[in-house]
């Protein structure tokens, strides 16, 4: 047995990170690797004394509480980056991580979606997808979140049987957590960072908790960056990013299902609470702090839809090529406004398919309520979308209803019914119909007196970058170049 995690999950140069390990071997080796275009070993230790520690029955909610096995010194010369911590003992291997925050900011700051890692993590007990309402960050991440065997399988795959969830079978066959397809460093953030560094961009790195505890981490940067699946946000996280953009900073979301659930960090951001579909059980419901209920941000009781920050919402998107969410869609966006600066030098024209080769419009996606003006989609703004939002491209998407996913929604409303109830107070037929035919959207808007926000609207955008799609890469480069200068 070999398991480990780092605490804290981020540090500044000159600080230290504890490595907490439980192993049945008497000793273990550790290697710290700075990840980027070319992974580089920056620190190692051999034959570190090891011991086996019990896993508390409440580890998933309260953490492990293991003693530090060794402390990793973060050298003053280490640049900001994601750092893999690779453990080895008795033929076994395990993975941990930490981020080095910047002292001297580069133009771009990527904030890892570590709150979403924690929400999906099923190590030591139930995740937020298994009945839990509180999860600890002080524990290992289950296998598959930080490293996967190659070639990795995507969560949304082109499979003949639309009900098949191929990833879960593949994960089981490789000894990975079935939840590792929806979160973690490996799938989206890792290839994005590697490509960006090869293209010459310097990208600083921080964590979700840093926006909560160290919002000053945004200072000095021009562009805030979110990649992949950044689903769980606290009030203070949003305050930090919205203040940054309102003050002239820019933001780019190369992901989907972004900022869907509100969470509360507790115990100095060592744990995280989210009641999700059981939001009425949240202790703050019905109190003076009712806006802090940990349901979806678009809930009428919170009055702070995520679209105010990102431009888009999962409530007007949903799923594509996953389960019953438009299962046979092409996986491409239809381009509507090819003259927008984001499409410069792409040779994309009106009606072209963006991301077709790699089916980038897959898994979970964000959109906005649309209407046609002169045959081209524009926002209705009735869902809280910013007045300056431009729809650059779109693709069909759908929220699952209870009868479309009966294996998932047993004796409870489906995603469609839940969202209609949260937004409109009940899932009456008229409310369901309003959300039945959604779209993934690529959108862009400016904040009056502030900065610019670009949103790619789909979790699998990075698949186009990794797959070598020239147009997807060019759009990404256009956004990074324009918004980081």
Foldseek 3Di string as FASTA:
>chain_A
DKFWEWPPQEEAAQDKIFIFMADPFQFKKKWKWFAFLDIDTDDIDGRQGHHHDDADLCCFFPNRPGDGSDMGHRHNPDAWGKMWMWMDDPHDIYIYIHTHFHPQDAQEEEAFLVVVQSQLFQPSHDHVQRPDFKGFPRTGGWPQQEDDDPPQDAQQDQDPDLQDRVNQVVCVVVVTDSSNNQHHCPAKVRLVRSLCVVVPGDYHYHYLLCLVVPLCSCPPYQEYEYAFHNAEHEPSSLVSQVVQQLQAHEYEYHAANHQFWYWDQDPSNRMIGANELVQVPPPCCPHPVNLRGGYTNLFPSVVGHCCLRALWHLLQFAFECHQPKVVPWQLWWAFQCCPDLLQPPVPDDHRDTHPRVQSQAGGGWIHAQWDDDPRGTDHPCPSVGDPFKDFGTKTKTAFDFCVSCVVSAPPHTGRLQSSLCRNPVGSDPVSSVSRGIHMHTFMKGGDVSGYIYTYNTHSRLSSCVVVPPPSSVSSVVSCCVVRSD
